[in-house]
Amino acid sequence: MKERDLISIIMPAYNCEKYIAAAVQSVIEQTYDNWELIIVNDCSTDNTPNIIKDFQRKDSRIKIYENAQNLGVSATRNRCISEASGEWVAFLDSDDMWDARKLDLQIKYAQKNTAGFIFTGASYIDENGEKYKGIFEIPEKAAYKDLLKQNVISCSSAMAKREYFDDVKMENDDIHEDFCVWLRILRSVDFAHGINEPLLIYRITRASKSGNKMKSARMTYKTYRYAGLGRVKSWYYMTFYIARSLKKYRKILR
């Protein structure tokens, strides 16, 4: 691994004028500066296009693409990845933010541990940017069977080798499309590596999947089924999901 690997940051954008400036600014403030930010505008009808173009004029590392029609988050993330030039891809949703050290710590960890898939812990804010007291602590490693019991890999915390996505795509916006991709990658990779620091600042909104627990639970079951698990196994793992999710959010919201 070269010391200065290029990291391609994947950001789909759809009607996110309220939060995307903070997300992009958190990328610009990264202490690791060899990155490109790939934003694909998925036919936004608000001021999102103007906001991101203002950033692009100030920083040439920001690259903007436009979907000809609204494709949804899965296809838009895939479009971002197809435009990536880096050895690594890192995901950041337009309503989340990063600690300034996030990419630097991940790339250093990858170099030290020969890791190809790294995720981090998270802190949480509400729609108005107010912080919740709890943080999401993560394990040092997460293998396929571990992830079935709880998806500990927040999408906006994940960074992985670009080559992992050559044959694995995000599909189906009716499921947790990122969770399904992690499961597919971990069928061929022993485990993902966790940095147990809240380097992701995750925004919980009423419109987000995390903001609607019943919707999230239904999508998790659908994810198990879409990933090839039978009904019995899907319900078996749902018991772990429900118990651990309740514990997680009690801690975050305390």
C-alpha atoms as a PDB file:
ATOM      1  CA  MET A   1       0.000   0.000   0.000  1.00  0.00           C
ATOM      2  CA  LYS A   2       1.281   3.418  -0.930  1.00  0.00           C
ATOM      3  CA  GLU A   3       1.511   6.055   1.777  1.00  0.00           C
ATOM      4  CA  ARG A   4      -0.780   8.388  -0.112  1.00  0.00           C
ATOM      5  CA  ASP A   5      -3.549   6.175  -1.442  1.00  0.00           C
ATOM      6  CA  LEU A   6      -6.398   8.068  -3.072  1.00  0.00           C
ATOM      7  CA  ILE A   7      -9.718   7.679  -1.261  1.00  0.00           C
ATOM      8  CA  SER A   8     -12.900   8.156  -3.297  1.00  0.00           C
ATOM      9  CA  ILE A   9     -15.721   9.439  -1.106  1.00  0.00           C
ATOM     10  CA  ILE A  10     -19.185   8.349  -2.214  1.00  0.00           C
ATOM     11  CA  MET A  11     -22.052  10.794  -1.613  1.00  0.00           C
ATOM     12  CA  PRO A  12     -25.481  10.419  -3.236  1.00  0.00           C
ATOM     13  CA  ALA A  13     -27.498  13.632  -3.049  1.00  0.00           C
ATOM     14  CA  TYR A  14     -31.245  14.111  -3.242  1.00  0.00           C
ATOM     15  CA  ASN A  15     -33.090  17.138  -1.833  1.00  0.00           C
ATOM     16  CA  CYS A  16     -30.598  17.542   0.993  1.00  0.00           C
ATOM     17  CA  GLU A  17     -30.145  21.324   1.015  1.00  0.00           C
ATOM     18  CA  LYS A  18     -30.539  21.471   4.796  1.00  0.00           C
ATOM     19  CA  TYR A  19     -27.574  19.249   5.656  1.00  0.00           C
ATOM     20  CA  ILE A  20     -25.257  18.670   2.697  1.00  0.00           C
ATOM     21  CA  ALA A  21     -23.076  21.735   3.300  1.00  0.00           C
ATOM     22  CA  ALA A  22     -22.100  20.405   6.736  1.00  0.00           C
ATOM     23  CA  ALA A  23     -21.376  16.981   5.247  1.00  0.00           C
ATOM     24  CA  VAL A  24     -19.134  18.377   2.511  1.00  0.00           C
ATOM     25  CA  GLN A  25     -17.379  20.730   4.932  1.00  0.00           C
ATOM     26  CA  SER A  26     -16.500  17.774   7.166  1.00  0.00           C
ATOM     27  CA  VAL A  27     -14.767  16.178   4.174  1.00  0.00           C
ATOM     28  CA  ILE A  28     -12.816  19.348   3.369  1.00  0.00           C
ATOM     29  CA  GLU A  29     -11.623  19.488   6.982  1.00  0.00           C
ATOM     30  CA  GLN A  30     -10.134  15.976   6.913  1.00  0.00           C
ATOM     31  CA  THR A  31      -6.514  15.815   8.045  1.00  0.00           C
ATOM     32  CA  TYR A  32      -5.922  13.238   5.292  1.00  0.00           C
ATOM     33  CA  ASP A  33      -6.135  15.266   2.106  1.00  0.00           C
ATOM     34  CA  ASN A  34      -5.626  12.788  -0.741  1.00  0.00           C
ATOM     35  CA  TRP A  35      -9.278  12.271  -1.518  1.00  0.00           C
ATOM     36  CA  GLU A  36     -11.873  12.944  -4.179  1.00  0.00           C
ATOM     37  CA  LEU A  37     -15.463  13.595  -3.242  1.00  0.00           C
ATOM     38  CA  ILE A  38     -17.856  12.160  -5.806  1.00  0.00           C
ATOM     39  CA  ILE A  39     -21.349  13.611  -5.512  1.00  0.00           C
ATOM     40  CA  VAL A  40     -24.105  12.332  -7.768  1.00  0.00           C
ATOM     41  CA  ASN A  41     -27.168  14.556  -7.759  1.00  0.00           C
ATOM     42  CA  ASP A  42     -30.223  12.319  -8.103  1.00  0.00           C
ATOM     43  CA  CYS A  43     -32.486  14.951  -9.719  1.00  0.00           C
ATOM     44  CA  SER A  44     -32.880  17.164  -6.657  1.00  0.00           C
ATOM     45  CA  THR A  45     -35.645  19.755  -6.861  1.00  0.00           C
ATOM     46  CA  ASP A  46     -34.381  21.986  -4.043  1.00  0.00           C
ATOM     47  CA  ASN A  47     -31.200  24.079  -3.733  1.00  0.00           C
ATOM     48  CA  THR A  48     -28.868  21.061  -3.440  1.00  0.00           C
ATOM     49  CA  PRO A  49     -27.285  21.523  -6.915  1.00  0.00           C
ATOM     50  CA  ASN A  50     -26.305  25.135  -6.238  1.00  0.00           C
ATOM     51  CA  ILE A  51     -24.834  24.325  -2.834  1.00  0.00           C
ATOM     52  CA  ILE A  52     -22.574  21.571  -4.121  1.00  0.00           C
ATOM     53  CA  LYS A  53     -21.515  23.607  -7.160  1.00  0.00           C
ATOM     54  CA  ASP A  54     -20.387  26.398  -4.834  1.00  0.00           C
ATOM     55  CA  PHE A  55     -18.146  23.902  -3.035  1.00  0.00           C
ATOM     56  CA  GLN A  56     -16.828  22.529  -6.325  1.00  0.00           C
ATOM     57  CA  ARG A  57     -15.749  25.991  -7.455  1.00  0.00           C
ATOM     58  CA  LYS A  58     -13.625  26.268  -4.317  1.00  0.00           C
ATOM     59  CA  ASP A  59     -12.144  22.749  -4.279  1.00  0.00           C
ATOM     60  CA  SER A  60     -11.222  20.801  -7.414  1.00  0.00           C
ATOM     61  CA  ARG A  61     -11.247  17.511  -5.490  1.00  0.00           C
ATOM     62  CA  ILE A  62     -15.046  17.698  -5.514  1.00  0.00           C
ATOM     63  CA  LYS A  63     -16.585  16.061  -8.597  1.00  0.00           C
ATOM     64  CA  ILE A  64     -20.274  16.368  -9.422  1.00  0.00           C
ATOM     65  CA  TYR A  65     -22.350  14.146 -11.682  1.00  0.00           C
ATOM     66  CA  GLU A  66     -26.038  14.301 -12.556  1.00  0.00           C
ATOM     67  CA  ASN A  67     -28.481  11.449 -12.984  1.00  0.00           C
ATOM     68  CA  ALA A  68     -30.712  11.918 -16.025  1.00  0.00           C
ATOM     69  CA  GLN A  69     -33.639  10.640 -13.954  1.00  0.00           C
ATOM     70  CA  ASN A  70     -34.243   9.886 -10.285  1.00  0.00           C
ATOM     71  CA  LEU A  71     -32.709   6.461  -9.596  1.00  0.00           C
ATOM     72  CA  GLY A  72     -32.802   6.145  -5.796  1.00  0.00           C
ATOM     73  CA  VAL A  73     -29.990   5.729  -3.306  1.00  0.00           C
ATOM     74  CA  SER A  74     -28.728   2.272  -4.326  1.00  0.00           C
ATOM     75  CA  ALA A  75     -28.285   3.016  -8.026  1.00  0.00           C
ATOM     76  CA  THR A  76     -26.893   6.449  -7.218  1.00  0.00           C
ATOM     77  CA  ARG A  77     -24.254   4.996  -4.907  1.00  0.00           C
ATOM     78  CA  ASN A  78     -23.345   2.539  -7.659  1.00  0.00           C
ATOM     79  CA  ARG A  79     -22.999   5.442 -10.089  1.00  0.00           C
ATOM     80  CA  CYS A  80     -20.680   7.186  -7.616  1.00  0.00           C
ATOM     81  CA  ILE A  81     -18.529   4.062  -7.332  1.00  0.00           C
ATOM     82  CA  SER A  82     -18.374   3.697 -11.119  1.00  0.00           C
ATOM     83  CA  GLU A  83     -16.890   7.206 -11.303  1.00  0.00           C
ATOM     84  CA  ALA A  84     -14.325   6.520  -8.540  1.00  0.00           C
ATOM     85  CA  SER A  85     -10.614   6.668  -9.298  1.00  0.00           C
ATOM     86  CA  GLY A  86      -9.288   5.795  -5.845  1.00  0.00           C
ATOM     87  CA  GLU A  87      -7.856   2.605  -4.391  1.00  0.00           C
ATOM     88  CA  TRP A  88     -10.415   2.982  -1.627  1.00  0.00           C
ATOM     89  CA  VAL A  89     -14.052   4.009  -1.393  1.00  0.00           C
ATOM     90  CA  ALA A  90     -15.500   5.641   1.701  1.00  0.00           C
ATOM     91  CA  PHE A  91     -19.215   6.285   2.118  1.00  0.00           C
ATOM     92  CA  LEU A  92     -20.732   9.475   3.502  1.00  0.00           C
ATOM     93  CA  ASP A  93     -24.433  10.217   3.341  1.00  0.00           C
ATOM     94  CA  SER A  94     -25.415  13.823   2.739  1.00  0.00           C
ATOM     95  CA  ASP A  95     -26.949  14.288   6.202  1.00  0.00           C
ATOM     96  CA  ASP A  96     -24.018  12.833   8.183  1.00  0.00           C
ATOM     97  CA  MET A  97     -20.595  14.242   9.068  1.00  0.00           C
ATOM     98  CA  TRP A  98     -17.113  13.036   9.945  1.00  0.00           C
ATOM     99  CA  ASP A  99     -14.615  13.762  12.667  1.00  0.00           C
ATOM    100  CA  ALA A 100     -11.648  15.507  11.003  1.00  0.00           C
ATOM    101  CA  ARG A 101      -9.359  12.540  11.778  1.00  0.00           C
ATOM    102  CA  LYS A 102     -11.619   9.880  10.276  1.00  0.00           C
ATOM    103  CA  LEU A 103      -9.893   9.103   6.976  1.00  0.00           C
ATOM    104  CA  ASP A 104      -6.417   9.563   8.445  1.00  0.00           C
ATOM    105  CA  LEU A 105      -7.026   7.035  11.215  1.00  0.00           C
ATOM    106  CA  GLN A 106      -8.617   4.554   8.838  1.00  0.00           C
ATOM    107  CA  ILE A 107      -5.824   4.668   6.268  1.00  0.00           C
ATOM    108  CA  LYS A 108      -3.173   4.350   8.982  1.00  0.00           C
ATOM    109  CA  TYR A 109      -5.037   1.408  10.481  1.00  0.00           C
ATOM    110  CA  ALA A 110      -5.246  -0.225   7.042  1.00  0.00           C
ATOM    111  CA  GLN A 111      -1.511   0.183   6.539  1.00  0.00           C
ATOM    112  CA  LYS A 112      -0.621  -1.181   9.964  1.00  0.00           C
ATOM    113  CA  ASN A 113      -2.994  -4.154   9.893  1.00  0.00           C
ATOM    114  CA  THR A 114      -3.185  -4.957   6.164  1.00  0.00           C
ATOM    115  CA  ALA A 115      -6.917  -4.384   6.385  1.00  0.00           C
ATOM    116  CA  GLY A 116      -9.200  -3.956   3.398  1.00  0.00           C
ATOM    117  CA  PHE A 117     -12.495  -3.103   5.101  1.00  0.00           C
ATOM    118  CA  ILE A 118     -12.592  -0.690   8.054  1.00  0.00           C
ATOM    119  CA  PHE A 119     -15.510   0.870   9.918  1.00  0.00           C
ATOM    120  CA  THR A 120     -15.790   3.114  12.972  1.00  0.00           C
ATOM    121  CA  GLY A 121     -17.962   3.948  15.943  1.00  0.00           C
ATOM    122  CA  ALA A 122     -20.390   6.840  15.896  1.00  0.00           C
ATOM    123  CA  SER A 123     -21.837   9.703  17.859  1.00  0.00           C
ATOM    124  CA  TYR A 124     -25.345  10.976  17.154  1.00  0.00           C
ATOM    125  CA  ILE A 125     -27.088  14.275  16.554  1.00  0.00           C
ATOM    126  CA  ASP A 126     -30.706  15.180  15.905  1.00  0.00           C
ATOM    127  CA  GLU A 127     -32.221  17.122  13.021  1.00  0.00           C
ATOM    128  CA  ASN A 128     -31.083  20.402  14.556  1.00  0.00           C
ATOM    129  CA  GLY A 129     -27.517  19.285  15.233  1.00  0.00           C
ATOM    130  CA  GLU A 130     -28.037  18.756  18.964  1.00  0.00           C
ATOM    131  CA  LYS A 131     -25.882  15.941  20.330  1.00  0.00           C
ATOM    132  CA  TYR A 132     -27.194  12.813  21.978  1.00  0.00           C
ATOM    133  CA  LYS A 133     -25.202  11.724  25.024  1.00  0.00           C
ATOM    134  CA  GLY A 134     -24.510   8.119  24.067  1.00  0.00           C
ATOM    135  CA  ILE A 135     -22.159   6.784  21.413  1.00  0.00           C
ATOM    136  CA  PHE A 136     -22.201   3.612  19.354  1.00  0.00           C
ATOM    137  CA  GLU A 137     -19.317   1.390  20.392  1.00  0.00           C
ATOM    138  CA  ILE A 138     -18.196  -1.286  17.963  1.00  0.00           C
ATOM    139  CA  PRO A 139     -16.168  -4.518  18.105  1.00  0.00           C
ATOM    140  CA  GLU A 140     -12.586  -4.838  16.939  1.00  0.00           C
ATOM    141  CA  LYS A 141     -13.676  -7.251  14.204  1.00  0.00           C
ATOM    142  CA  ALA A 142     -16.960  -8.196  12.537  1.00  0.00           C
ATOM    143  CA  ALA A 143     -17.296 -11.422  10.543  1.00  0.00           C
ATOM    144  CA  TYR A 144     -20.268 -12.544   8.448  1.00  0.00           C
ATOM    145  CA  LYS A 145     -22.075 -14.377  11.269  1.00  0.00           C
ATOM    146  CA  ASP A 146     -21.435 -11.493  13.670  1.00  0.00           C
ATOM    147  CA  LEU A 147     -23.025  -9.052  11.250  1.00  0.00           C
ATOM    148  CA  LEU A 148     -26.121 -11.212  10.875  1.00  0.00           C
ATOM    149  CA  LYS A 149     -26.838 -10.674  14.570  1.00  0.00           C
ATOM    150  CA  GLN A 150     -26.353  -6.911  14.370  1.00  0.00           C
ATOM    151  CA  ASN A 151     -25.247  -4.622  11.586  1.00  0.00           C
ATOM    152  CA  VAL A 152     -22.488  -2.759  13.409  1.00  0.00           C
ATOM    153  CA  ILE A 153     -21.180  -1.186  10.184  1.00  0.00           C
ATOM    154  CA  SER A 154     -22.779   2.234   9.754  1.00  0.00           C
ATOM    155  CA  CYS A 155     -22.676   3.073   6.062  1.00  0.00           C
ATOM    156  CA  SER A 156     -21.132   6.509   6.575  1.00  0.00           C
ATOM    157  CA  SER A 157     -18.351   4.982   8.666  1.00  0.00           C
ATOM    158  CA  ALA A 158     -17.276   2.363   6.121  1.00  0.00           C
ATOM    159  CA  MET A 159     -14.136   2.458   3.997  1.00  0.00           C
ATOM    160  CA  ALA A 160     -13.166  -0.477   1.796  1.00  0.00           C
ATOM    161  CA  LYS A 161     -10.948  -1.393  -1.122  1.00  0.00           C
ATOM    162  CA  ARG A 162     -12.408  -0.296  -4.431  1.00  0.00           C
ATOM    163  CA  GLU A 163     -11.924  -3.792  -5.875  1.00  0.00           C
ATOM    164  CA  TYR A 164     -14.524  -5.238  -3.498  1.00  0.00           C
ATOM    165  CA  PHE A 165     -17.225  -3.459  -5.475  1.00  0.00           C
ATOM    166  CA  ASP A 166     -16.279  -4.814  -8.881  1.00  0.00           C
ATOM    167  CA  ASP A 167     -18.787  -7.656  -8.544  1.00  0.00           C
ATOM    168  CA  VAL A 168     -20.889  -6.460  -5.595  1.00  0.00           C
ATOM    169  CA  LYS A 169     -23.471  -3.733  -6.163  1.00  0.00           C
ATOM    170  CA  MET A 170     -26.046  -2.021  -4.005  1.00  0.00           C
ATOM    171  CA  GLU A 171     -29.552  -3.076  -4.919  1.00  0.00           C
ATOM    172  CA  ASN A 172     -33.161  -2.629  -3.836  1.00  0.00           C
ATOM    173  CA  ASP A 173     -34.062   0.516  -1.889  1.00  0.00           C
ATOM    174  CA  ASP A 174     -36.729  -1.446   0.006  1.00  0.00           C
ATOM    175  CA  ILE A 175     -34.010  -3.141   2.088  1.00  0.00           C
ATOM    176  CA  HIS A 176     -30.930  -1.935   3.984  1.00  0.00           C
ATOM    177  CA  GLU A 177     -28.899  -1.986   0.782  1.00  0.00           C
ATOM    178  CA  ASP A 178     -25.602  -1.228   2.506  1.00  0.00           C
ATOM    179  CA  PHE A 179     -26.118  -4.046   5.057  1.00  0.00           C
ATOM    180  CA  CYS A 180     -26.735  -6.488   2.206  1.00  0.00           C
ATOM    181  CA  VAL A 181     -23.499  -5.410   0.504  1.00  0.00           C
ATOM    182  CA  TRP A 182     -21.488  -5.817   3.709  1.00  0.00           C
ATOM    183  CA  LEU A 183     -22.847  -9.368   4.063  1.00  0.00           C
ATOM    184  CA  ARG A 184     -21.859 -10.184   0.494  1.00  0.00           C
ATOM    185  CA  ILE A 185     -18.349  -8.809   0.952  1.00  0.00           C
ATOM    186  CA  LEU A 186     -17.909 -10.728   4.218  1.00  0.00           C
ATOM    187  CA  ARG A 187     -18.700 -14.000   2.499  1.00  0.00           C
ATOM    188  CA  SER A 188     -15.331 -13.682   0.769  1.00  0.00           C
ATOM    189  CA  VAL A 189     -13.435 -11.558   3.330  1.00  0.00           C
ATOM    190  CA  ASP A 190     -12.738 -12.986   6.791  1.00  0.00           C
ATOM    191  CA  PHE A 191     -13.867  -9.908   8.684  1.00  0.00           C
ATOM    192  CA  ALA A 192     -14.170  -6.136   8.718  1.00  0.00           C
ATOM    193  CA  HIS A 193     -11.948  -4.174  11.120  1.00  0.00           C
ATOM    194  CA  GLY A 194     -13.463  -1.765  13.628  1.00  0.00           C
ATOM    195  CA  ILE A 195     -11.952   1.434  15.029  1.00  0.00           C
ATOM    196  CA  ASN A 196     -13.877   1.967  18.243  1.00  0.00           C
ATOM    197  CA  GLU A 197     -13.930   5.746  18.136  1.00  0.00           C
ATOM    198  CA  PRO A 198     -16.948   7.930  17.244  1.00  0.00           C
ATOM    199  CA  LEU A 199     -15.432   9.188  13.982  1.00  0.00           C
ATOM    200  CA  LEU A 200     -18.850   9.258  12.318  1.00  0.00           C
ATOM    201  CA  ILE A 201     -21.381  11.883  13.375  1.00  0.00           C
ATOM    202  CA  TYR A 202     -24.699  10.271  12.448  1.00  0.00           C
ATOM    203  CA  ARG A 203     -27.786  12.409  12.097  1.00  0.00           C
ATOM    204  CA  ILE A 204     -31.075  10.855  13.228  1.00  0.00           C
ATOM    205  CA  THR A 205     -34.016  12.436  11.429  1.00  0.00           C
ATOM    206  CA  ARG A 206     -37.678  11.521  11.200  1.00  0.00           C
ATOM    207  CA  ALA A 207     -37.170  10.695   7.529  1.00  0.00           C
ATOM    208  CA  SER A 208     -34.132   8.461   8.138  1.00  0.00           C
ATOM    209  CA  LYS A 209     -34.297   4.701   8.474  1.00  0.00           C
ATOM    210  CA  SER A 210     -32.942   4.929  12.009  1.00  0.00           C
ATOM    211  CA  GLY A 211     -35.603   7.449  12.900  1.00  0.00           C
ATOM    212  CA  ASN A 212     -38.397   4.953  12.203  1.00  0.00           C
ATOM    213  CA  LYS A 213     -37.713   1.774  14.169  1.00  0.00           C
ATOM    214  CA  MET A 214     -40.622  -0.279  12.799  1.00  0.00           C
ATOM    215  CA  LYS A 215     -39.682   0.564   9.220  1.00  0.00           C
ATOM    216  CA  SER A 216     -36.054  -0.297   9.940  1.00  0.00           C
ATOM    217  CA  ALA A 217     -37.046  -3.670  11.445  1.00  0.00           C
ATOM    218  CA  ARG A 218     -39.148  -4.576   8.410  1.00  0.00           C
ATOM    219  CA  MET A 219     -36.298  -3.599   6.101  1.00  0.00           C
ATOM    220  CA  THR A 220     -33.873  -5.724   8.130  1.00  0.00           C
ATOM    221  CA  TYR A 221     -36.060  -8.803   7.706  1.00  0.00           C
ATOM    222  CA  LYS A 222     -36.311  -8.094   3.980  1.00  0.00           C
ATOM    223  CA  THR A 223     -32.506  -7.746   3.873  1.00  0.00           C
ATOM    224  CA  TYR A 224     -32.024 -11.203   5.367  1.00  0.00           C
ATOM    225  CA  ARG A 225     -34.406 -12.676   2.804  1.00  0.00           C
ATOM    226  CA  TYR A 226     -32.813 -10.751  -0.074  1.00  0.00           C
ATOM    227  CA  ALA A 227     -29.380 -11.972   1.061  1.00  0.00           C
ATOM    228  CA  GLY A 228     -30.568 -15.549   0.680  1.00  0.00           C
ATOM    229  CA  LEU A 229     -31.574 -16.551   4.202  1.00  0.00           C
ATOM    230  CA  GLY A 230     -34.696 -18.691   4.644  1.00  0.00           C
ATOM    231  CA  ARG A 231     -37.639 -17.601   6.772  1.00  0.00           C
ATOM    232  CA  VAL A 232     -36.584 -19.569   9.846  1.00  0.00           C
ATOM    233  CA  LYS A 233     -33.026 -18.230   9.827  1.00  0.00           C
ATOM    234  CA  SER A 234     -34.271 -14.712   9.097  1.00  0.00           C
ATOM    235  CA  TRP A 235     -36.568 -14.757  12.142  1.00  0.00           C
ATOM    236  CA  TYR A 236     -33.798 -16.308  14.230  1.00  0.00           C
ATOM    237  CA  TYR A 237     -31.460 -13.427  13.450  1.00  0.00           C
ATOM    238  CA  MET A 238     -34.280 -10.919  13.862  1.00  0.00           C
ATOM    239  CA  THR A 239     -34.419 -11.812  17.573  1.00  0.00           C
ATOM    240  CA  PHE A 240     -30.798 -10.706  17.923  1.00  0.00           C
ATOM    241  CA  TYR A 241     -31.454  -7.586  15.844  1.00  0.00           C
ATOM    242  CA  ILE A 242     -34.410  -6.491  17.982  1.00  0.00           C
ATOM    243  CA  ALA A 243     -32.671  -7.105  21.309  1.00  0.00           C
ATOM    244  CA  ARG A 244     -29.432  -5.417  20.304  1.00  0.00           C
ATOM    245  CA  SER A 245     -31.143  -2.487  18.609  1.00  0.00           C
ATOM    246  CA  LEU A 246     -33.167  -1.757  21.746  1.00  0.00           C
ATOM    247  CA  LYS A 247     -29.991  -1.862  23.816  1.00  0.00           C
ATOM    248  CA  LYS A 248     -28.156   0.338  21.328  1.00  0.00           C
ATOM    249  CA  TYR A 249     -30.763   3.091  21.214  1.00  0.00           C
ATOM    250  CA  ARG A 250     -31.388   3.066  24.975  1.00  0.00           C
ATOM    251  CA  LYS A 251     -27.686   3.824  25.364  1.00  0.00           C
ATOM    252  CA  ILE A 252     -27.590   6.467  22.630  1.00  0.00           C
ATOM    253  CA  LEU A 253     -30.684   8.318  23.823  1.00  0.00           C
ATOM    254  CA  ARG A 254     -29.975   8.149  27.550  1.00  0.00           C
END
